[in-house]
Amino acid sequence: MNIDKAAIANVVLPMLIAFVLSAVTGHFLIPELIRMKAEQTERALGPKSHQSKTGTPNMGGIMIILAFTVTGLLFASRNPQILPVVFMTLGFGLVGFTDDFIKVHKRRSEGLTVKQKFLFQILIAVVFGLILVFYNHLSLDMEIPFAAEAVLTLGVLSFPALVFISVAVVNATNLTDGVDGLLGCVTIAVTLFFTIAAVLKGQGVSAAGAAMIGAILGFLLYNANPAKVFMGDTGSLAIGGFVVGMAYVLHLQLFIPIAGIIYVLEVVSVILQVGYFKATHGKRLFKMSPLHHHFELSGWGEVRVVTLFTVISVMASALALMALNF
């Protein structure tokens, strides 16, 4: 049996390095966040059970970004496709950090305005596209799931599509971050899909996927229920940027709704809730949106919600692997 030890090392080493960096960073970061009073301020309209979380340090996503970025750069010299993924993760992470910092500094639950967030997100997506095309010399084509060697080429619409996908995914991951450990566990399953796909395609960007898995695992040591720290927009936006970055480098943009079905369901639940509320003049389709809050208000504990959503993500990622084109 021929085993490519280099390919294995390209996955195992970045995962271990990022895990250690994330875990160690958390040991020092959390006390500092507490000292800075970088505390979570729960929304008054959120589940009442979440009010007890007020005061838990926020901005823990710094752990994920730092571990992923350092590890990614270590392996980028041999795998230049990692650089645009690092850019997307760091870029959107900085937007989230700015949002979180304003919340902490102003002691309020709102940071950047919606308009400011969208402008920054659009700018980062456009620069990312330019890096892909002119630095990495990659096309923006998309492989079509379950269709051998079929590719979708959008031509002049490629950049508008990139901006739409980036903004949609980043805000979807942000919505998914509402229960202890939820976004982290779901994203590990999604990232595992991209990492395996990269290995099967012989792409060195698999190191980036492994690094993100390690970084999130280190973060979950502190974020599992009951959470000692929250990732905040710092982490949730960074994760969204990472997912888009991996998808575009591997030309698997159309696979995001499959592996990331939980992201989709969270967004759709909000859209349906708002639409139904307006159409019926005050009635609600769900007890609360995003979807994870509906389950909470139905009597489910946070651990049970995370378990269900993670299992769904694992199965969806397995389906996405079956849809790969070879």
Protein backbone atom coordinates (compact mmCIF):
# COMPACT_ATOMS: atom_id res chain seq x y z
CA MET A 1 0.00 0.00 0.00
CA ASN A 2 1.54 3.30 -1.13
CA ILE A 3 1.05 6.06 1.41
CA ASP A 4 2.04 9.63 0.60
CA LYS A 5 3.70 10.60 3.88
CA ALA A 6 4.21 14.17 2.67
CA ALA A 7 0.46 14.58 2.10
CA ILE A 8 -0.24 13.17 5.57
CA ALA A 9 2.31 15.49 7.17
CA ASN A 10 0.73 18.42 5.30
CA VAL A 11 -2.46 17.72 7.22
CA VAL A 12 -1.31 16.39 10.58
CA LEU A 13 1.41 18.95 11.32
CA PRO A 14 -0.63 22.13 10.70
CA MET A 15 -3.52 20.66 12.67
CA LEU A 16 -1.31 19.97 15.68
CA ILE A 17 0.52 23.29 15.48
CA ALA A 18 -2.72 25.30 15.21
CA PHE A 19 -4.31 23.32 18.05
CA VAL A 20 -1.41 24.02 20.41
CA LEU A 21 -1.28 27.71 19.43
CA SER A 22 -5.02 28.14 19.92
CA ALA A 23 -5.12 26.27 23.24
CA VAL A 24 -2.11 28.11 24.67
CA THR A 25 -3.36 31.49 23.43
CA GLY A 26 -6.67 30.90 25.20
CA HIS A 27 -4.91 30.33 28.51
CA PHE A 28 -3.47 33.85 28.37
CA LEU A 29 -6.14 35.64 26.30
CA ILE A 30 -9.22 34.88 28.41
CA PRO A 31 -7.86 36.49 31.62
CA GLU A 32 -6.83 39.51 29.55
CA LEU A 33 -10.30 39.80 28.02
CA ILE A 34 -11.79 39.64 31.50
CA ARG A 35 -9.40 42.37 32.67
CA MET A 36 -10.41 44.51 29.68
CA LYS A 37 -14.07 43.85 30.50
CA ALA A 38 -14.56 42.59 26.96
CA GLU A 39 -17.83 41.05 28.03
CA GLN A 40 -20.72 39.61 26.09
CA THR A 41 -23.88 41.72 26.11
CA GLU A 42 -26.85 39.52 25.32
CA ARG A 43 -29.69 40.96 23.27
CA ALA A 44 -32.82 41.73 25.25
CA LEU A 45 -34.87 39.93 22.56
CA GLY A 46 -32.80 36.74 22.79
CA PRO A 47 -33.73 33.62 24.78
CA LYS A 48 -34.08 34.39 28.49
CA SER A 49 -31.76 31.49 29.31
CA HIS A 50 -28.98 33.39 27.55
CA GLN A 51 -29.18 36.35 29.91
CA SER A 52 -26.98 34.42 32.34
CA LYS A 53 -24.25 34.50 29.69
CA THR A 54 -23.91 38.27 30.01
CA GLY A 55 -20.45 38.96 31.38
CA THR A 56 -18.75 36.03 29.63
CA PRO A 57 -15.67 37.37 27.81
CA ASN A 58 -16.09 37.91 24.08
CA MET A 59 -13.67 38.24 21.15
CA GLY A 60 -12.28 34.74 21.71
CA GLY A 61 -12.13 34.42 17.93
CA ILE A 62 -8.69 36.00 18.26
CA MET A 63 -7.50 32.54 19.31
CA ILE A 64 -8.74 31.00 16.06
CA ILE A 65 -7.42 33.79 13.82
CA LEU A 66 -3.98 33.89 15.45
CA ALA A 67 -3.49 30.12 15.40
CA PHE A 68 -4.76 29.77 11.83
CA THR A 69 -2.84 32.73 10.42
CA VAL A 70 0.50 31.79 11.97
CA THR A 71 0.15 28.16 10.94
CA GLY A 72 -1.09 29.06 7.47
CA LEU A 73 1.85 31.36 6.83
CA LEU A 74 4.27 28.66 7.98
CA PHE A 75 3.01 26.36 5.23
CA ALA A 76 2.28 29.02 2.59
CA SER A 77 5.82 29.06 1.22
CA ARG A 78 5.30 25.55 -0.17
CA ASN A 79 1.60 26.01 -0.83
CA PRO A 80 0.91 29.57 -2.14
CA GLN A 81 -2.81 28.80 -2.51
CA ILE A 82 -3.01 29.11 1.26
CA LEU A 83 -2.36 32.87 1.10
CA PRO A 84 -5.75 33.94 -0.32
CA VAL A 85 -7.47 31.74 2.28
CA VAL A 86 -5.46 33.43 5.03
CA PHE A 87 -6.36 36.82 3.54
CA MET A 88 -10.09 36.05 3.61
CA THR A 89 -9.95 34.68 7.14
CA LEU A 90 -7.88 37.55 8.49
CA GLY A 91 -9.75 40.21 6.51
CA PHE A 92 -13.21 39.25 7.66
CA GLY A 93 -11.85 38.54 11.12
CA LEU A 94 -10.61 42.13 11.35
CA VAL A 95 -14.08 43.39 10.41
CA GLY A 96 -15.54 41.25 13.17
CA PHE A 97 -12.87 42.40 15.62
CA THR A 98 -13.67 46.04 14.86
CA ASP A 99 -17.35 45.34 15.42
CA ASP A 100 -16.66 43.56 18.72
CA PHE A 101 -14.22 46.25 19.90
CA ILE A 102 -16.81 48.98 19.36
CA LYS A 103 -19.33 46.96 21.36
CA VAL A 104 -16.86 46.60 24.22
CA HIS A 105 -15.68 50.20 24.11
CA LYS A 106 -19.19 51.65 23.89
CA ARG A 107 -20.70 49.02 26.24
CA ARG A 108 -23.56 48.22 23.85
CA SER A 109 -24.85 45.22 21.88
CA GLU A 110 -24.35 46.90 18.46
CA GLY A 111 -20.99 47.74 16.90
CA LEU A 112 -20.48 48.70 13.25
CA THR A 113 -23.55 49.83 11.35
CA VAL A 114 -25.06 47.43 8.82
CA LYS A 115 -23.89 49.68 5.98
CA GLN A 116 -20.33 49.75 7.30
CA LYS A 117 -20.24 45.96 7.64
CA PHE A 118 -21.44 45.40 4.10
CA LEU A 119 -19.01 47.93 2.62
CA PHE A 120 -16.03 46.27 4.34
CA GLN A 121 -17.24 42.80 3.36
CA ILE A 122 -17.66 43.78 -0.29
CA LEU A 123 -14.20 45.38 -0.37
CA ILE A 124 -12.52 42.28 1.09
CA ALA A 125 -14.34 39.98 -1.34
CA VAL A 126 -13.26 42.06 -4.35
CA VAL A 127 -9.61 42.16 -3.24
CA PHE A 128 -9.75 38.41 -2.63
CA GLY A 129 -10.97 37.86 -6.17
CA LEU A 130 -8.14 39.99 -7.56
CA ILE A 131 -5.60 38.00 -5.54
CA LEU A 132 -6.98 34.72 -6.88
CA VAL A 133 -6.95 35.84 -10.50
CA PHE A 134 -3.78 37.92 -10.70
CA TYR A 135 -1.54 36.42 -8.00
CA ASN A 136 -2.58 32.76 -7.85
CA HIS A 137 -3.70 32.71 -11.50
CA LEU A 138 -6.85 30.78 -10.64
CA SER A 139 -10.16 31.03 -12.42
CA LEU A 140 -13.42 31.76 -10.62
CA ASP A 141 -15.11 28.76 -12.25
CA MET A 142 -17.30 26.49 -10.15
CA GLU A 143 -17.47 22.71 -10.28
CA ILE A 144 -21.04 21.42 -10.49
CA PRO A 145 -21.91 18.79 -7.86
CA PHE A 146 -22.76 15.27 -9.09
CA ALA A 147 -21.79 16.21 -12.65
CA ALA A 148 -18.48 14.68 -13.73
CA GLU A 149 -16.09 17.34 -15.07
CA ALA A 150 -18.92 19.85 -15.45
CA VAL A 151 -17.94 23.44 -14.66
CA LEU A 152 -20.01 26.60 -14.35
CA THR A 153 -18.35 29.68 -15.87
CA LEU A 154 -20.03 33.02 -15.20
CA GLY A 155 -17.75 35.32 -17.18
CA VAL A 156 -18.41 38.99 -16.33
CA LEU A 157 -20.73 37.88 -13.54
CA SER A 158 -17.92 36.06 -11.74
CA PHE A 159 -17.01 38.97 -9.47
CA PRO A 160 -20.61 39.90 -8.56
CA ALA A 161 -21.18 36.21 -7.76
CA LEU A 162 -18.05 36.16 -5.60
CA VAL A 163 -19.22 39.20 -3.65
CA PHE A 164 -22.68 37.70 -3.16
CA ILE A 165 -21.36 34.32 -2.04
CA SER A 166 -18.83 35.92 0.32
CA VAL A 167 -21.33 38.22 2.01
CA ALA A 168 -23.98 35.48 2.22
CA VAL A 169 -21.69 32.86 3.74
CA VAL A 170 -20.02 35.24 6.20
CA ASN A 171 -23.36 36.45 7.52
CA ALA A 172 -24.65 32.87 7.63
CA THR A 173 -21.79 31.75 9.85
CA ASN A 174 -22.40 34.82 12.00
CA LEU A 175 -26.04 33.79 12.48
CA THR A 176 -25.00 30.22 13.32
CA ASP A 177 -22.88 31.44 16.23
CA GLY A 178 -25.58 31.56 18.89
CA VAL A 179 -25.09 28.49 21.11
CA ASP A 180 -21.98 27.35 22.99
CA GLY A 181 -19.77 25.37 20.62
CA LEU A 182 -22.29 25.33 17.76
CA LEU A 183 -20.45 27.20 15.00
CA GLY A 184 -17.16 25.56 15.92
CA CYS A 185 -18.51 22.00 15.78
CA VAL A 186 -20.47 22.57 12.58
CA THR A 187 -17.49 24.21 10.90
CA ILE A 188 -15.14 21.37 11.81
CA ALA A 189 -17.39 19.05 9.79
CA VAL A 190 -17.52 21.51 6.88
CA THR A 191 -13.77 22.08 7.00
CA LEU A 192 -13.12 18.35 7.07
CA PHE A 193 -14.94 18.11 3.73
CA PHE A 194 -12.77 20.81 2.16
CA THR A 195 -9.61 19.28 3.62
CA ILE A 196 -10.38 15.81 2.29
CA ALA A 197 -11.35 17.31 -1.07
CA ALA A 198 -8.03 19.14 -1.21
CA VAL A 199 -6.13 15.94 -0.44
CA LEU A 200 -8.04 14.03 -3.12
CA LYS A 201 -7.30 16.80 -5.61
CA GLY A 202 -3.64 16.84 -4.62
CA GLN A 203 -3.86 20.48 -3.49
CA GLY A 204 -1.53 21.76 -0.78
CA VAL A 205 -4.28 24.04 0.54
CA SER A 206 -5.28 21.00 2.61
CA ALA A 207 -2.82 22.41 5.17
CA ALA A 208 -5.09 25.44 5.58
CA GLY A 209 -8.10 23.21 6.24
CA ALA A 210 -6.15 21.18 8.79
CA ALA A 211 -4.94 24.37 10.47
CA MET A 212 -8.50 25.63 10.84
CA ILE A 213 -9.64 22.34 12.35
CA GLY A 214 -6.80 22.50 14.87
CA ALA A 215 -7.49 26.15 15.68
CA ILE A 216 -11.18 25.50 16.29
CA LEU A 217 -10.48 22.41 18.41
CA GLY A 218 -8.19 24.49 20.61
CA PHE A 219 -10.91 27.13 20.90
CA LEU A 220 -13.57 24.55 21.79
CA LEU A 221 -11.60 23.67 24.92
CA TYR A 222 -12.88 26.99 26.25
CA ASN A 223 -16.08 27.42 24.22
CA ALA A 224 -17.82 24.10 24.89
CA ASN A 225 -20.89 24.38 27.09
CA PRO A 226 -20.74 26.10 29.52
CA ALA A 227 -18.56 28.50 27.55
CA LYS A 228 -15.72 30.35 29.25
CA VAL A 229 -15.36 32.59 26.21
CA PHE A 230 -17.31 33.43 23.05
CA MET A 231 -15.75 33.86 19.61
CA GLY A 232 -17.81 36.96 18.85
CA ASP A 233 -18.03 38.46 15.38
CA THR A 234 -14.22 38.27 15.41
CA GLY A 235 -14.41 34.50 15.05
CA SER A 236 -17.72 34.00 13.24
CA LEU A 237 -16.85 36.36 10.38
CA ALA A 238 -13.33 34.94 10.13
CA ILE A 239 -14.77 31.42 9.82
CA GLY A 240 -17.12 32.58 7.07
CA GLY A 241 -14.19 34.12 5.20
CA PHE A 242 -12.24 30.90 5.57
CA VAL A 243 -15.08 28.77 4.16
CA VAL A 244 -15.40 31.01 1.11
CA GLY A 245 -11.64 31.10 0.66
CA MET A 246 -11.31 27.31 0.67
CA ALA A 247 -14.29 26.90 -1.64
CA TYR A 248 -12.92 29.31 -4.26
CA VAL A 249 -9.38 27.95 -4.23
CA LEU A 250 -10.78 24.45 -4.80
CA HIS A 251 -13.54 25.65 -7.20
CA LEU A 252 -16.14 24.11 -4.85
CA GLN A 253 -18.34 27.17 -4.31
CA LEU A 254 -21.50 25.24 -5.24
CA PHE A 255 -20.68 22.65 -2.58
CA ILE A 256 -21.05 25.15 0.26
CA PRO A 257 -24.87 24.75 0.45
CA ILE A 258 -24.39 20.97 0.69
CA ALA A 259 -21.64 20.65 3.31
CA GLY A 260 -22.77 23.88 4.97
CA ILE A 261 -26.46 23.01 5.06
CA ILE A 262 -26.70 24.24 8.66
CA TYR A 263 -25.52 27.69 7.55
CA VAL A 264 -28.23 27.66 4.91
CA LEU A 265 -30.96 26.55 7.32
CA GLU A 266 -30.03 29.26 9.82
CA VAL A 267 -30.29 31.99 7.17
CA VAL A 268 -33.48 30.61 5.64
CA SER A 269 -35.11 30.41 9.07
CA VAL A 270 -34.48 34.13 9.59
CA ILE A 271 -35.78 35.04 6.14
CA LEU A 272 -38.91 32.93 6.60
CA GLN A 273 -39.50 34.30 10.08
CA VAL A 274 -39.29 37.91 8.95
CA GLY A 275 -41.38 37.30 5.83
CA TYR A 276 -44.08 35.39 7.70
CA PHE A 277 -44.15 37.99 10.47
CA LYS A 278 -44.76 40.78 7.97
CA ALA A 279 -47.25 38.82 5.86
CA THR A 280 -49.36 37.80 8.86
CA HIS A 281 -49.01 41.10 10.73
CA GLY A 282 -47.28 39.76 13.80
CA LYS A 283 -47.48 35.96 13.73
CA ARG A 284 -44.33 33.84 13.95
CA LEU A 285 -43.42 30.73 11.97
CA PHE A 286 -40.75 29.71 14.49
CA LYS A 287 -40.69 30.36 18.22
CA MET A 288 -37.56 32.37 17.54
CA SER A 289 -34.96 32.63 14.80
CA PRO A 290 -32.25 31.71 13.87
CA LEU A 291 -33.25 28.06 13.91
CA HIS A 292 -31.14 27.00 16.90
CA HIS A 293 -33.15 29.36 19.11
CA HIS A 294 -36.38 27.66 18.00
CA PHE A 295 -35.07 24.34 19.32
CA GLU A 296 -33.94 25.99 22.55
CA LEU A 297 -37.38 27.47 23.17
CA SER A 298 -38.86 24.05 22.38
CA GLY A 299 -37.10 22.70 25.45
CA TRP A 300 -33.85 21.44 23.93
CA GLY A 301 -30.63 21.97 25.87
CA GLU A 302 -27.69 23.63 24.13
CA VAL A 303 -25.64 20.42 24.05
CA ARG A 304 -28.49 18.56 22.35
CA VAL A 305 -28.86 21.30 19.73
CA VAL A 306 -25.13 21.27 19.01
CA THR A 307 -25.12 17.48 18.75
CA LEU A 308 -28.01 17.43 16.26
CA PHE A 309 -26.59 20.19 14.08
CA THR A 310 -23.13 18.62 14.11
CA VAL A 311 -24.47 15.20 13.10
CA ILE A 312 -26.39 16.81 10.24
CA SER A 313 -23.22 18.64 9.16
CA VAL A 314 -21.16 15.44 9.21
CA MET A 315 -23.73 13.62 7.07
CA ALA A 316 -24.04 16.59 4.71
CA SER A 317 -20.25 16.77 4.33
CA ALA A 318 -20.19 13.05 3.50
CA LEU A 319 -22.79 13.71 0.81
CA ALA A 320 -20.68 16.57 -0.52
CA LEU A 321 -17.72 14.20 -0.85
CA MET A 322 -19.87 11.89 -2.95
CA ALA A 323 -20.73 14.85 -5.18
CA LEU A 324 -17.08 15.59 -6.00
CA ASN A 325 -16.06 15.33 -9.63
CA PHE A 326 -13.22 12.93 -10.53
